[in-house]
Every structure is written in structure tokens, then in C-alpha cells.
N, C-alpha and C. Protein backbone atom coordinates (compact mmCIF):
# COMPACT_ATOMS: atom_id res chain seq x y z
N UNK A 1 -9.07 26.34 -7.28
CA UNK A 1 -10.29 25.56 -7.45
C UNK A 1 -11.47 26.38 -6.98
N UNK A 2 -12.50 26.43 -7.79
CA UNK A 2 -13.74 27.11 -7.41
C UNK A 2 -14.86 26.08 -7.35
N UNK A 3 -15.68 26.20 -6.32
CA UNK A 3 -16.83 25.33 -6.15
C UNK A 3 -18.09 26.16 -6.20
N UNK A 4 -19.01 25.75 -7.05
CA UNK A 4 -20.27 26.47 -7.21
C UNK A 4 -21.41 25.55 -6.79
N UNK A 5 -22.04 25.89 -5.67
CA UNK A 5 -23.17 25.11 -5.18
C UNK A 5 -24.47 25.71 -5.67
N UNK A 6 -25.43 24.85 -5.95
CA UNK A 6 -26.74 25.30 -6.41
C UNK A 6 -27.79 24.27 -6.04
N UNK A 7 -29.06 24.66 -6.22
CA UNK A 7 -30.14 23.72 -6.00
C UNK A 7 -30.94 23.93 -4.73
N UNK A 8 -30.50 24.84 -3.89
CA UNK A 8 -31.25 25.09 -2.68
C UNK A 8 -32.57 25.78 -2.97
N UNK A 9 -33.41 25.88 -1.95
CA UNK A 9 -34.69 26.55 -2.11
C UNK A 9 -35.60 26.26 -0.95
N UNK A 10 -36.86 26.59 -1.15
CA UNK A 10 -37.90 26.38 -0.15
C UNK A 10 -38.71 25.15 -0.53
N UNK A 11 -38.88 24.25 0.42
CA UNK A 11 -39.64 23.04 0.18
C UNK A 11 -40.46 22.71 1.41
N UNK A 12 -41.58 22.08 1.21
CA UNK A 12 -42.40 21.65 2.34
C UNK A 12 -41.80 20.40 2.96
N UNK A 13 -42.08 20.21 4.22
CA UNK A 13 -41.64 19.00 4.90
C UNK A 13 -42.15 17.78 4.14
N UNK A 14 -41.26 16.81 3.99
CA UNK A 14 -41.59 15.62 3.21
C UNK A 14 -41.17 15.72 1.75
N UNK A 15 -40.82 16.91 1.33
CA UNK A 15 -40.42 17.11 -0.06
C UNK A 15 -38.96 16.77 -0.31
N UNK A 16 -38.53 17.06 -1.53
CA UNK A 16 -37.17 16.70 -1.96
C UNK A 16 -36.50 17.87 -2.63
N UNK A 17 -35.18 17.87 -2.55
CA UNK A 17 -34.33 18.80 -3.29
C UNK A 17 -33.08 18.06 -3.72
N UNK A 18 -32.49 18.53 -4.80
CA UNK A 18 -31.19 18.00 -5.22
C UNK A 18 -30.20 19.14 -5.33
N UNK A 19 -29.17 19.07 -4.55
CA UNK A 19 -28.10 20.06 -4.59
C UNK A 19 -27.01 19.59 -5.54
N UNK A 20 -26.39 20.56 -6.18
CA UNK A 20 -25.26 20.28 -7.06
C UNK A 20 -24.08 21.13 -6.64
N UNK A 21 -22.90 20.61 -6.87
CA UNK A 21 -21.68 21.37 -6.60
C UNK A 21 -20.70 21.07 -7.73
N UNK A 22 -20.43 22.09 -8.52
CA UNK A 22 -19.54 21.93 -9.65
C UNK A 22 -18.17 22.52 -9.32
N UNK A 23 -17.14 21.75 -9.58
CA UNK A 23 -15.77 22.20 -9.36
C UNK A 23 -15.16 22.66 -10.66
N UNK A 24 -14.45 23.76 -10.61
CA UNK A 24 -13.76 24.28 -11.80
C UNK A 24 -12.38 24.76 -11.39
N UNK A 25 -11.57 25.05 -12.41
CA UNK A 25 -10.20 25.45 -12.15
C UNK A 25 -9.31 24.23 -12.14
N UNK A 26 -8.39 24.19 -11.22
CA UNK A 26 -7.50 23.03 -11.13
C UNK A 26 -8.32 21.81 -10.76
N UNK A 27 -8.12 20.73 -11.43
CA UNK A 27 -8.85 19.50 -11.11
C UNK A 27 -7.88 18.43 -10.67
N UNK A 28 -8.39 17.46 -10.04
CA UNK A 28 -7.58 16.39 -9.48
C UNK A 28 -8.15 15.06 -9.93
N UNK A 29 -7.29 14.14 -10.12
CA UNK A 29 -7.75 12.84 -10.59
C UNK A 29 -8.54 12.12 -9.53
N UNK A 30 -8.06 12.21 -8.32
CA UNK A 30 -8.76 11.57 -7.21
C UNK A 30 -8.98 12.61 -6.13
N UNK A 31 -10.18 12.73 -5.65
CA UNK A 31 -10.44 13.69 -4.60
C UNK A 31 -11.70 13.30 -3.85
N UNK A 32 -11.83 13.86 -2.70
CA UNK A 32 -13.04 13.66 -1.91
C UNK A 32 -13.85 14.93 -1.89
N UNK A 33 -15.15 14.77 -1.85
CA UNK A 33 -16.04 15.92 -1.75
C UNK A 33 -17.08 15.67 -0.69
N UNK A 34 -17.50 16.72 -0.07
CA UNK A 34 -18.46 16.58 1.01
C UNK A 34 -19.46 17.72 1.04
N UNK A 35 -20.51 17.48 1.79
CA UNK A 35 -21.54 18.49 2.06
C UNK A 35 -21.63 18.69 3.57
N UNK A 36 -21.72 19.95 3.94
CA UNK A 36 -21.89 20.32 5.34
C UNK A 36 -23.07 21.28 5.44
N UNK A 37 -23.68 21.32 6.59
CA UNK A 37 -24.85 22.17 6.80
C UNK A 37 -24.59 23.06 8.02
N UNK A 38 -25.04 24.29 7.91
CA UNK A 38 -24.97 25.20 9.05
C UNK A 38 -26.31 25.88 9.24
N UNK A 39 -26.92 25.60 10.38
CA UNK A 39 -28.18 26.23 10.75
C UNK A 39 -27.88 27.48 11.56
N UNK A 40 -28.82 28.43 11.60
CA UNK A 40 -28.59 29.67 12.36
C UNK A 40 -28.23 29.40 13.81
N UNK A 41 -27.15 30.00 14.26
CA UNK A 41 -26.73 29.86 15.64
C UNK A 41 -26.04 28.55 15.97
N UNK A 42 -25.80 27.73 14.96
CA UNK A 42 -25.18 26.43 15.19
C UNK A 42 -23.88 26.32 14.40
N UNK A 43 -23.07 25.38 14.81
CA UNK A 43 -21.83 25.13 14.11
C UNK A 43 -22.10 24.35 12.82
N UNK A 44 -21.16 24.47 11.91
CA UNK A 44 -21.26 23.71 10.67
C UNK A 44 -21.11 22.23 10.98
N UNK A 45 -21.98 21.41 10.42
CA UNK A 45 -21.95 19.99 10.71
C UNK A 45 -21.89 19.16 9.42
N UNK A 46 -21.30 18.02 9.55
CA UNK A 46 -21.15 17.10 8.44
C UNK A 46 -22.50 16.52 8.03
N UNK A 47 -22.69 16.40 6.71
CA UNK A 47 -23.91 15.79 6.17
C UNK A 47 -23.57 14.51 5.40
N UNK A 48 -22.72 14.64 4.38
CA UNK A 48 -22.38 13.49 3.54
C UNK A 48 -21.07 13.76 2.82
N UNK A 49 -20.40 12.69 2.42
CA UNK A 49 -19.15 12.81 1.69
C UNK A 49 -18.98 11.61 0.77
N UNK A 50 -18.11 11.80 -0.21
CA UNK A 50 -17.87 10.74 -1.18
C UNK A 50 -16.42 10.79 -1.62
N UNK A 51 -15.79 9.63 -1.72
CA UNK A 51 -14.47 9.56 -2.32
C UNK A 51 -14.56 8.61 -3.52
N UNK A 52 -13.45 8.09 -3.98
CA UNK A 52 -13.50 7.27 -5.18
C UNK A 52 -13.97 5.84 -4.89
N UNK A 53 -14.18 5.55 -3.61
CA UNK A 53 -14.57 4.17 -3.29
C UNK A 53 -15.86 4.06 -2.49
N UNK A 54 -16.21 5.09 -1.74
CA UNK A 54 -17.29 4.91 -0.77
C UNK A 54 -18.02 6.23 -0.53
N UNK A 55 -19.13 6.10 0.18
CA UNK A 55 -19.92 7.26 0.61
C UNK A 55 -20.05 7.23 2.13
N UNK A 56 -20.25 8.41 2.69
CA UNK A 56 -20.30 8.55 4.14
C UNK A 56 -21.44 9.50 4.47
N UNK A 57 -22.19 9.17 5.52
CA UNK A 57 -23.36 9.97 5.88
C UNK A 57 -23.40 10.21 7.38
N UNK A 58 -23.95 11.37 7.73
CA UNK A 58 -24.30 11.61 9.12
C UNK A 58 -25.49 10.72 9.47
N UNK A 59 -25.56 10.29 10.69
CA UNK A 59 -26.65 9.40 11.10
C UNK A 59 -28.01 10.03 10.84
N UNK A 60 -28.09 11.34 10.97
CA UNK A 60 -29.37 12.03 10.85
C UNK A 60 -29.93 12.02 9.43
N UNK A 61 -29.11 11.69 8.45
CA UNK A 61 -29.58 11.73 7.06
C UNK A 61 -29.53 10.37 6.38
N UNK A 62 -29.03 9.38 7.04
CA UNK A 62 -28.95 8.05 6.43
C UNK A 62 -30.34 7.57 6.02
N UNK A 63 -30.44 7.07 4.82
CA UNK A 63 -31.71 6.59 4.31
C UNK A 63 -32.56 7.67 3.68
N UNK A 64 -32.19 8.95 3.88
CA UNK A 64 -32.94 10.07 3.30
C UNK A 64 -32.14 10.78 2.21
N UNK A 65 -30.86 10.94 2.44
CA UNK A 65 -29.99 11.68 1.52
C UNK A 65 -29.09 10.70 0.78
N UNK A 66 -28.78 11.05 -0.46
CA UNK A 66 -27.85 10.26 -1.26
C UNK A 66 -26.84 11.19 -1.93
N UNK A 67 -25.58 10.91 -1.72
CA UNK A 67 -24.53 11.69 -2.38
C UNK A 67 -24.01 10.88 -3.57
N UNK A 68 -23.74 11.57 -4.65
CA UNK A 68 -23.20 10.91 -5.84
C UNK A 68 -22.29 11.89 -6.56
N UNK A 69 -21.57 11.40 -7.54
CA UNK A 69 -20.64 12.27 -8.26
C UNK A 69 -20.60 11.87 -9.73
N UNK A 70 -20.31 12.88 -10.53
CA UNK A 70 -20.07 12.67 -11.96
C UNK A 70 -18.67 13.20 -12.23
N UNK A 71 -17.71 12.31 -12.31
CA UNK A 71 -16.32 12.73 -12.46
C UNK A 71 -16.07 13.46 -13.78
N UNK A 72 -16.80 13.08 -14.80
CA UNK A 72 -16.62 13.74 -16.10
C UNK A 72 -17.01 15.22 -16.03
N UNK A 73 -17.93 15.54 -15.14
CA UNK A 73 -18.40 16.91 -14.98
C UNK A 73 -17.80 17.58 -13.76
N UNK A 74 -16.97 16.85 -13.01
CA UNK A 74 -16.41 17.40 -11.75
C UNK A 74 -17.52 17.95 -10.86
N UNK A 75 -18.58 17.17 -10.76
CA UNK A 75 -19.76 17.63 -10.02
C UNK A 75 -20.18 16.57 -9.01
N UNK A 76 -20.57 17.02 -7.84
CA UNK A 76 -21.13 16.14 -6.82
C UNK A 76 -22.57 16.58 -6.56
N UNK A 77 -23.41 15.63 -6.27
CA UNK A 77 -24.83 15.88 -6.04
C UNK A 77 -25.23 15.40 -4.64
N UNK A 78 -26.24 16.04 -4.12
CA UNK A 78 -26.83 15.58 -2.87
C UNK A 78 -28.34 15.55 -3.07
N UNK A 79 -28.87 14.34 -3.21
CA UNK A 79 -30.31 14.15 -3.32
C UNK A 79 -30.88 14.05 -1.91
N UNK A 80 -31.78 14.94 -1.60
CA UNK A 80 -32.36 15.00 -0.27
C UNK A 80 -33.84 14.70 -0.35
N UNK A 81 -34.26 13.63 0.26
CA UNK A 81 -35.66 13.20 0.25
C UNK A 81 -36.24 13.24 1.66
N UNK A 82 -37.55 13.28 1.73
CA UNK A 82 -38.25 13.27 3.02
C UNK A 82 -37.67 14.32 3.96
N UNK A 83 -37.57 15.52 3.47
CA UNK A 83 -36.94 16.58 4.24
C UNK A 83 -37.77 16.96 5.47
N UNK A 84 -37.04 17.30 6.52
CA UNK A 84 -37.65 17.76 7.76
C UNK A 84 -37.17 19.18 8.04
N UNK A 85 -37.89 19.93 8.87
CA UNK A 85 -37.44 21.28 9.22
C UNK A 85 -36.02 21.30 9.80
N UNK A 86 -35.64 20.25 10.51
CA UNK A 86 -34.29 20.22 11.09
C UNK A 86 -33.19 20.04 10.05
N UNK A 87 -33.56 19.76 8.81
CA UNK A 87 -32.58 19.65 7.73
C UNK A 87 -32.27 21.02 7.11
N UNK A 88 -32.98 22.04 7.54
CA UNK A 88 -32.79 23.36 6.95
C UNK A 88 -31.45 23.96 7.35
N UNK A 89 -30.97 24.85 6.50
CA UNK A 89 -29.72 25.54 6.78
C UNK A 89 -29.02 25.90 5.48
N UNK A 90 -27.84 26.44 5.63
CA UNK A 90 -27.01 26.71 4.46
C UNK A 90 -26.14 25.48 4.23
N UNK A 91 -26.19 24.97 3.03
CA UNK A 91 -25.42 23.79 2.68
C UNK A 91 -24.17 24.22 1.91
N UNK A 92 -23.05 23.76 2.40
CA UNK A 92 -21.76 24.06 1.79
C UNK A 92 -21.16 22.79 1.22
N UNK A 93 -20.62 22.90 0.01
CA UNK A 93 -19.86 21.78 -0.51
C UNK A 93 -18.37 22.08 -0.33
N UNK A 94 -17.61 21.03 -0.28
CA UNK A 94 -16.18 21.16 -0.04
C UNK A 94 -15.43 20.07 -0.79
N UNK A 95 -14.18 20.37 -1.09
CA UNK A 95 -13.34 19.44 -1.85
C UNK A 95 -11.98 19.31 -1.18
N UNK A 96 -11.51 18.07 -1.10
CA UNK A 96 -10.15 17.84 -0.63
C UNK A 96 -9.42 17.00 -1.67
N UNK A 97 -8.27 17.46 -2.15
CA UNK A 97 -7.59 16.76 -3.23
C UNK A 97 -6.75 15.58 -2.80
N UNK A 98 -6.63 15.37 -1.50
CA UNK A 98 -5.68 14.33 -1.11
C UNK A 98 -6.20 13.24 -0.20
N UNK A 99 -7.25 13.54 0.56
CA UNK A 99 -7.66 12.56 1.58
C UNK A 99 -8.92 11.82 1.17
N UNK A 100 -9.13 10.72 1.80
CA UNK A 100 -10.32 9.91 1.55
C UNK A 100 -10.73 9.26 2.85
N UNK A 101 -11.79 8.50 2.78
CA UNK A 101 -12.24 7.78 3.96
C UNK A 101 -12.87 8.69 4.99
N UNK A 102 -12.79 8.27 6.24
CA UNK A 102 -13.47 8.98 7.33
C UNK A 102 -12.94 10.39 7.56
N UNK A 103 -11.75 10.69 7.04
CA UNK A 103 -11.26 12.07 7.13
C UNK A 103 -12.28 13.03 6.53
N UNK A 104 -13.04 12.58 5.56
CA UNK A 104 -13.95 13.45 4.84
C UNK A 104 -15.16 13.86 5.67
N UNK A 105 -15.34 13.28 6.83
CA UNK A 105 -16.45 13.69 7.69
C UNK A 105 -16.09 14.89 8.56
N UNK A 106 -14.84 15.33 8.47
CA UNK A 106 -14.39 16.45 9.30
C UNK A 106 -14.16 17.68 8.45
N UNK A 107 -14.73 18.80 8.86
CA UNK A 107 -14.64 20.01 8.05
C UNK A 107 -13.20 20.50 7.90
N UNK A 108 -12.36 20.27 8.90
CA UNK A 108 -10.98 20.78 8.84
C UNK A 108 -10.14 20.04 7.79
N UNK A 109 -10.67 18.93 7.27
CA UNK A 109 -9.97 18.18 6.23
C UNK A 109 -9.88 18.95 4.92
N UNK A 110 -10.89 19.76 4.66
CA UNK A 110 -11.09 20.28 3.32
C UNK A 110 -10.29 21.56 3.03
N UNK A 111 -9.75 21.59 1.82
CA UNK A 111 -8.99 22.75 1.36
C UNK A 111 -9.84 23.78 0.65
N UNK A 112 -10.91 23.35 0.03
CA UNK A 112 -11.71 24.25 -0.80
C UNK A 112 -13.18 24.17 -0.41
N UNK A 113 -13.83 25.34 -0.40
CA UNK A 113 -15.23 25.44 -0.01
C UNK A 113 -16.02 26.25 -1.01
N UNK A 114 -17.27 25.85 -1.23
CA UNK A 114 -18.18 26.62 -2.04
C UNK A 114 -18.85 27.70 -1.21
N UNK A 115 -19.70 28.48 -1.86
CA UNK A 115 -20.30 29.65 -1.22
C UNK A 115 -21.54 29.31 -0.39
N UNK A 116 -22.09 28.14 -0.56
CA UNK A 116 -23.26 27.76 0.20
C UNK A 116 -24.55 28.00 -0.57
N UNK A 117 -25.53 27.17 -0.30
CA UNK A 117 -26.85 27.33 -0.88
C UNK A 117 -27.88 27.08 0.22
N UNK A 118 -28.87 27.94 0.28
CA UNK A 118 -29.85 27.92 1.37
C UNK A 118 -30.93 26.88 1.12
N UNK A 119 -31.19 26.09 2.14
CA UNK A 119 -32.30 25.13 2.11
C UNK A 119 -33.26 25.49 3.24
N UNK A 120 -34.50 25.72 2.89
CA UNK A 120 -35.52 26.05 3.87
C UNK A 120 -36.62 25.00 3.78
N UNK A 121 -37.00 24.45 4.91
CA UNK A 121 -38.03 23.41 4.95
C UNK A 121 -39.17 23.92 5.82
N UNK A 122 -40.32 24.06 5.24
CA UNK A 122 -41.48 24.55 5.99
C UNK A 122 -42.25 23.37 6.57
N UNK A 123 -42.76 23.57 7.76
CA UNK A 123 -43.49 22.49 8.43
C UNK A 123 -44.98 22.55 8.12
């Protein structure tokens, strides 16, 4: 499975970006996908995840970010609104073919990772 993340860039505080993550190769009928962020000098942290029934968000992004998926395209999206400088970092998408629910908030759950896309928020 290959994951291709895109959509990052430079945006002013208060602006919006939409990240995409397309999965190719072996596909799964049911799977969970998530987004994680890593800022310089910090550990990778959970941002949002989605399975076939629900969505999950870090407290810091609730009400600002929306995760969605298009199963026909094997693609997950992360709409990020009202961005703040603290939202900056490299965003990684990840896929797990077997687990769902709160497991998806943990990075060690995931079997497959994308290459990351840089998000920079200027103040």
C-alpha cells in the first residue's frame, strides 16, 4: 500500500488548507485512516482519524478541522480552517487495514504511512 499526501503549503493565520491522502496498491474494504502532525523538535501527535462509522479528533483541532473520506477514490481529506501557527508541521497520513475506533488515535496502530506534507502558518 502506498499513501500519497498532498495539499500542504504556506497560509496566513486564520486561513484554510485541505490535505488529501490517496491510497494505492492493495486496498481494503474496511480500514481506518488518520492524520498526524510533527512539529520541529516535537513528537508526532494525533490530529484526526476516520473509520467506517465515526470520526475522531484531537482536542486542539475540534471545531476547526474536518476529516472525511471518499471510498471510491481511496482518499481521505483533512479540511483545516482557522489555522493557527501552532497547527504548523509536517502532516502524515496513515492507514490501518484492521482496526477502528479509538485505536486510530495512536500512531503505533498504523501499518502504512505516507511521506508527509508540510504545513506552514504565518502569524
